[in-house]
Amino acid sequence: MLTIAVVACQQEKKPAPVDLKAAETEVAALLDKFNAALLAKDAEAIGAMLTDDGLYLGTDPKEFWTGPEYKEMMKQTFANPDFKIDFKIDRRDIRITPDGKSSLTIEQMYIDFISQKIPIRAIMHQIKTDAGWKIDFYGSGLIPLNEDVPKINQALTE
């Protein structure tokens, strides 16, 4: 009985408060570093920011990769001296979970070698690991303006 009374009277431990603003700053720094590595064509740096068991999706429906596969694809792409990549993030939204252990990010941009007319939206999920924040999901897709969809559909039927 005494054990039950002692256990029942224990105060529930409250989790330590999470500094969501600091977490958001850390995630933004990770994404800035990731984008800088893309622009620098540094596949090793990109690979270091990914989880091996993550899922990484390109703009084509056939583009599904694990972390190591994505890194290898980037190495092969970047090995081509004619490959040029240039972009500037037009919009970024970061949402940190209340526990501060993961985040969802949306970035929008134009990437010239994909399309100068249709924006790209990248949706990413990051997790906080013992080694810092890592990207465990990256999906990108073309997001045409609604008013351009009929033109695209027409072009695809010709």
C-alpha atoms as a PDB file:
ATOM      1  CA  MET A   1       0.000   0.000   0.000  1.00  0.00           C
ATOM      2  CA  LEU A   2       2.784   2.381   0.899  1.00  0.00           C
ATOM      3  CA  THR A   3       4.444   1.829  -2.501  1.00  0.00           C
ATOM      4  CA  ILE A   4       1.189   2.535  -4.313  1.00  0.00           C
ATOM      5  CA  ALA A   5       0.662   5.711  -2.292  1.00  0.00           C
ATOM      6  CA  VAL A   6       4.218   6.940  -2.958  1.00  0.00           C
ATOM      7  CA  VAL A   7       3.975   6.204  -6.688  1.00  0.00           C
ATOM      8  CA  ALA A   8       0.524   7.785  -6.947  1.00  0.00           C
ATOM      9  CA  CYS A   9       1.683  10.961  -5.198  1.00  0.00           C
ATOM     10  CA  GLN A  10       4.686  11.480  -7.459  1.00  0.00           C
ATOM     11  CA  GLN A  11       4.428  14.658  -9.470  1.00  0.00           C
ATOM     12  CA  GLU A  12       4.451  14.134 -13.182  1.00  0.00           C
ATOM     13  CA  LYS A  13       7.695  15.359 -14.724  1.00  0.00           C
ATOM     14  CA  LYS A  14       7.076  18.130 -17.195  1.00  0.00           C
ATOM     15  CA  PRO A  15       9.215  18.122 -20.323  1.00  0.00           C
ATOM     16  CA  ALA A  16      11.777  20.870 -20.529  1.00  0.00           C
ATOM     17  CA  PRO A  17      10.475  23.835 -22.493  1.00  0.00           C
ATOM     18  CA  VAL A  18      11.601  23.903 -26.102  1.00  0.00           C
ATOM     19  CA  ASP A  19      12.969  27.069 -27.682  1.00  0.00           C
ATOM     20  CA  LEU A  20      11.082  26.848 -30.972  1.00  0.00           C
ATOM     21  CA  LYS A  21      12.671  30.016 -32.325  1.00  0.00           C
ATOM     22  CA  ALA A  22      16.163  28.589 -31.761  1.00  0.00           C
ATOM     23  CA  ALA A  23      15.107  25.324 -33.438  1.00  0.00           C
ATOM     24  CA  GLU A  24      13.758  27.280 -36.405  1.00  0.00           C
ATOM     25  CA  THR A  25      17.067  29.150 -36.681  1.00  0.00           C
ATOM     26  CA  GLU A  26      18.971  25.834 -36.624  1.00  0.00           C
ATOM     27  CA  VAL A  27      16.758  24.339 -39.347  1.00  0.00           C
ATOM     28  CA  ALA A  28      17.119  27.482 -41.489  1.00  0.00           C
ATOM     29  CA  ALA A  29      20.914  27.188 -41.133  1.00  0.00           C
ATOM     30  CA  LEU A  30      20.754  23.524 -42.240  1.00  0.00           C
ATOM     31  CA  LEU A  31      18.688  24.470 -45.306  1.00  0.00           C
ATOM     32  CA  ASP A  32      20.983  27.388 -46.154  1.00  0.00           C
ATOM     33  CA  LYS A  33      23.935  24.989 -45.957  1.00  0.00           C
ATOM     34  CA  PHE A  34      22.072  22.401 -48.081  1.00  0.00           C
ATOM     35  CA  ASN A  35      21.233  24.973 -50.766  1.00  0.00           C
ATOM     36  CA  ALA A  36      24.793  26.316 -50.745  1.00  0.00           C
ATOM     37  CA  ALA A  37      26.077  22.743 -51.260  1.00  0.00           C
ATOM     38  CA  LEU A  38      23.696  22.350 -54.226  1.00  0.00           C
ATOM     39  CA  LEU A  39      24.960  25.569 -55.783  1.00  0.00           C
ATOM     40  CA  ALA A  40      28.559  24.497 -55.131  1.00  0.00           C
ATOM     41  CA  LYS A  41      27.812  21.045 -56.607  1.00  0.00           C
ATOM     42  CA  ASP A  42      29.147  19.386 -53.424  1.00  0.00           C
ATOM     43  CA  ALA A  43      27.552  15.923 -53.249  1.00  0.00           C
ATOM     44  CA  GLU A  44      29.583  14.941 -50.150  1.00  0.00           C
ATOM     45  CA  ALA A  45      28.260  17.903 -48.164  1.00  0.00           C
ATOM     46  CA  ILE A  46      24.715  17.172 -49.342  1.00  0.00           C
ATOM     47  CA  GLY A  47      25.021  13.513 -48.339  1.00  0.00           C
ATOM     48  CA  ALA A  48      26.202  14.475 -44.853  1.00  0.00           C
ATOM     49  CA  MET A  49      22.935  16.380 -44.279  1.00  0.00           C
ATOM     50  CA  LEU A  50      20.676  13.440 -45.225  1.00  0.00           C
ATOM     51  CA  THR A  51      19.581  10.378 -43.299  1.00  0.00           C
ATOM     52  CA  ASP A  52      20.429   7.078 -44.986  1.00  0.00           C
ATOM     53  CA  ASP A  53      16.910   5.739 -44.463  1.00  0.00           C
ATOM     54  CA  GLY A  54      15.189   8.892 -45.711  1.00  0.00           C
ATOM     55  CA  LEU A  55      13.162   9.308 -48.878  1.00  0.00           C
ATOM     56  CA  TYR A  56      14.238  11.795 -51.540  1.00  0.00           C
ATOM     57  CA  LEU A  57      11.989  12.542 -54.520  1.00  0.00           C
ATOM     58  CA  GLY A  58      12.725  14.460 -57.691  1.00  0.00           C
ATOM     59  CA  THR A  59      10.343  16.218 -60.054  1.00  0.00           C
ATOM     60  CA  ASP A  60       9.863  13.119 -62.233  1.00  0.00           C
ATOM     61  CA  PRO A  61       7.494  10.377 -60.971  1.00  0.00           C
ATOM     62  CA  LYS A  62      10.292   7.795 -61.407  1.00  0.00           C
ATOM     63  CA  GLU A  63      12.721   9.668 -59.138  1.00  0.00           C
ATOM     64  CA  PHE A  64      12.646   7.890 -55.744  1.00  0.00           C
ATOM     65  CA  TRP A  65      15.932   7.601 -53.831  1.00  0.00           C
ATOM     66  CA  THR A  66      17.331   6.631 -50.432  1.00  0.00           C
ATOM     67  CA  GLY A  67      19.997   8.862 -48.887  1.00  0.00           C
ATOM     68  CA  PRO A  68      22.947   6.944 -50.389  1.00  0.00           C
ATOM     69  CA  GLU A  69      21.199   6.697 -53.790  1.00  0.00           C
ATOM     70  CA  TYR A  70      20.448  10.437 -53.815  1.00  0.00           C
ATOM     71  CA  LYS A  71      24.044  11.257 -52.919  1.00  0.00           C
ATOM     72  CA  GLU A  72      25.317   8.979 -55.717  1.00  0.00           C
ATOM     73  CA  MET A  73      22.907  10.521 -58.226  1.00  0.00           C
ATOM     74  CA  MET A  74      24.140  13.978 -57.209  1.00  0.00           C
ATOM     75  CA  LYS A  75      27.790  12.874 -57.607  1.00  0.00           C
ATOM     76  CA  GLN A  76      27.070  11.663 -61.143  1.00  0.00           C
ATOM     77  CA  THR A  77      25.097  14.802 -62.041  1.00  0.00           C
ATOM     78  CA  PHE A  78      27.731  17.151 -60.628  1.00  0.00           C
ATOM     79  CA  ALA A  79      30.537  15.279 -62.434  1.00  0.00           C
ATOM     80  CA  ASN A  80      29.228  16.699 -65.714  1.00  0.00           C
ATOM     81  CA  PRO A  81      31.170  19.952 -66.226  1.00  0.00           C
ATOM     82  CA  ASP A  82      28.357  21.297 -68.426  1.00  0.00           C
ATOM     83  CA  PHE A  83      25.780  20.919 -65.651  1.00  0.00           C
ATOM     84  CA  LYS A  84      24.809  24.326 -64.296  1.00  0.00           C
ATOM     85  CA  ILE A  85      22.482  24.948 -61.378  1.00  0.00           C
ATOM     86  CA  ASP A  86      21.237  28.293 -60.251  1.00  0.00           C
ATOM     87  CA  PHE A  87      18.309  29.267 -58.061  1.00  0.00           C
ATOM     88  CA  LYS A  88      17.244  31.647 -55.350  1.00  0.00           C
ATOM     89  CA  ILE A  89      14.642  30.730 -52.754  1.00  0.00           C
ATOM     90  CA  ASP A  90      11.583  32.929 -53.254  1.00  0.00           C
ATOM     91  CA  ARG A  91       9.693  31.656 -50.232  1.00  0.00           C
ATOM     92  CA  ARG A  92      10.507  29.514 -47.208  1.00  0.00           C
ATOM     93  CA  ASP A  93       8.179  28.417 -44.422  1.00  0.00           C
ATOM     94  CA  ILE A  94       9.469  26.373 -41.483  1.00  0.00           C
ATOM     95  CA  ARG A  95       7.157  24.623 -39.018  1.00  0.00           C
ATOM     96  CA  ILE A  96       8.757  23.134 -35.900  1.00  0.00           C
ATOM     97  CA  THR A  97       6.863  20.476 -33.944  1.00  0.00           C
ATOM     98  CA  PRO A  98       5.988  21.483 -30.358  1.00  0.00           C
ATOM     99  CA  ASP A  99       8.536  18.992 -28.971  1.00  0.00           C
ATOM    100  CA  GLY A 100      11.296  20.586 -31.086  1.00  0.00           C
ATOM    101  CA  LYS A 101      12.372  17.218 -32.523  1.00  0.00           C
ATOM    102  CA  SER A 102      11.266  17.592 -36.138  1.00  0.00           C
ATOM    103  CA  SER A 103      10.207  20.182 -38.651  1.00  0.00           C
ATOM    104  CA  LEU A 104       8.455  20.574 -41.960  1.00  0.00           C
ATOM    105  CA  THR A 105       9.764  23.069 -44.491  1.00  0.00           C
ATOM    106  CA  ILE A 106       8.459  24.374 -47.775  1.00  0.00           C
ATOM    107  CA  GLU A 107      10.696  26.259 -50.197  1.00  0.00           C
ATOM    108  CA  GLN A 108       9.671  27.728 -53.545  1.00  0.00           C
ATOM    109  CA  MET A 109      12.016  28.765 -56.338  1.00  0.00           C
ATOM    110  CA  TYR A 110      12.688  28.722 -60.060  1.00  0.00           C
ATOM    111  CA  ILE A 111      15.490  26.406 -61.158  1.00  0.00           C
ATOM    112  CA  ASP A 112      16.644  27.440 -64.617  1.00  0.00           C
ATOM    113  CA  PHE A 113      17.689  24.020 -65.910  1.00  0.00           C
ATOM    114  CA  ILE A 114      14.248  22.604 -65.015  1.00  0.00           C
ATOM    115  CA  SER A 115      12.005  25.506 -66.036  1.00  0.00           C
ATOM    116  CA  GLN A 116      12.295  29.261 -66.222  1.00  0.00           C
ATOM    117  CA  LYS A 117       8.501  29.530 -66.393  1.00  0.00           C
ATOM    118  CA  ILE A 118       7.197  27.052 -63.811  1.00  0.00           C
ATOM    119  CA  PRO A 119       8.190  27.331 -60.137  1.00  0.00           C
ATOM    120  CA  ILE A 120       9.427  24.405 -58.084  1.00  0.00           C
ATOM    121  CA  ARG A 121       8.137  23.634 -54.607  1.00  0.00           C
ATOM    122  CA  ALA A 122      10.372  21.572 -52.333  1.00  0.00           C
ATOM    123  CA  ILE A 123       8.814  20.007 -49.248  1.00  0.00           C
ATOM    124  CA  MET A 124      11.245  18.725 -46.655  1.00  0.00           C
ATOM    125  CA  HIS A 125      11.089  17.039 -43.282  1.00  0.00           C
ATOM    126  CA  GLN A 126      13.963  17.399 -40.851  1.00  0.00           C
ATOM    127  CA  ILE A 127      14.670  15.503 -37.644  1.00  0.00           C
ATOM    128  CA  LYS A 128      16.874  16.463 -34.748  1.00  0.00           C
ATOM    129  CA  THR A 129      19.509  13.776 -34.175  1.00  0.00           C
ATOM    130  CA  ASP A 130      22.409  13.491 -31.747  1.00  0.00           C
ATOM    131  CA  ALA A 131      24.555  14.858 -34.609  1.00  0.00           C
ATOM    132  CA  GLY A 132      22.226  17.821 -35.211  1.00  0.00           C
ATOM    133  CA  TRP A 133      19.432  18.405 -37.695  1.00  0.00           C
ATOM    134  CA  LYS A 134      19.210  16.087 -40.726  1.00  0.00           C
ATOM    135  CA  ILE A 135      16.887  15.945 -43.711  1.00  0.00           C
ATOM    136  CA  ASP A 136      14.941  12.682 -43.840  1.00  0.00           C
ATOM    137  CA  PHE A 137      12.488  13.618 -46.597  1.00  0.00           C
ATOM    138  CA  TYR A 138      12.844  15.863 -49.636  1.00  0.00           C
ATOM    139  CA  GLY A 139      10.222  16.043 -52.350  1.00  0.00           C
ATOM    140  CA  SER A 140      10.143  18.496 -55.215  1.00  0.00           C
ATOM    141  CA  GLY A 141       7.578  19.193 -57.875  1.00  0.00           C
ATOM    142  CA  LEU A 142       6.650  21.708 -60.515  1.00  0.00           C
ATOM    143  CA  ILE A 143       3.818  24.003 -59.410  1.00  0.00           C
ATOM    144  CA  PRO A 144       2.408  25.853 -62.392  1.00  0.00           C
ATOM    145  CA  LEU A 145       0.177  28.837 -61.838  1.00  0.00           C
ATOM    146  CA  ASN A 146      -3.479  27.821 -62.038  1.00  0.00           C
ATOM    147  CA  GLU A 147      -4.024  30.063 -65.048  1.00  0.00           C
ATOM    148  CA  ASP A 148      -1.177  28.263 -66.886  1.00  0.00           C
ATOM    149  CA  VAL A 149      -2.571  24.740 -66.451  1.00  0.00           C
ATOM    150  CA  PRO A 150      -4.916  24.930 -69.491  1.00  0.00           C
ATOM    151  CA  LYS A 151      -1.968  26.097 -71.634  1.00  0.00           C
ATOM    152  CA  ILE A 152       0.180  23.206 -70.387  1.00  0.00           C
ATOM    153  CA  ASN A 153      -2.609  20.706 -71.002  1.00  0.00           C
ATOM    154  CA  GLN A 154      -3.090  22.093 -74.518  1.00  0.00           C
ATOM    155  CA  ALA A 155       0.626  21.877 -75.241  1.00  0.00           C
ATOM    156  CA  LEU A 156       0.703  18.242 -74.082  1.00  0.00           C
ATOM    157  CA  THR A 157      -2.142  17.245 -76.413  1.00  0.00           C
ATOM    158  CA  GLU A 158      -0.483  18.657 -79.523  1.00  0.00           C
END
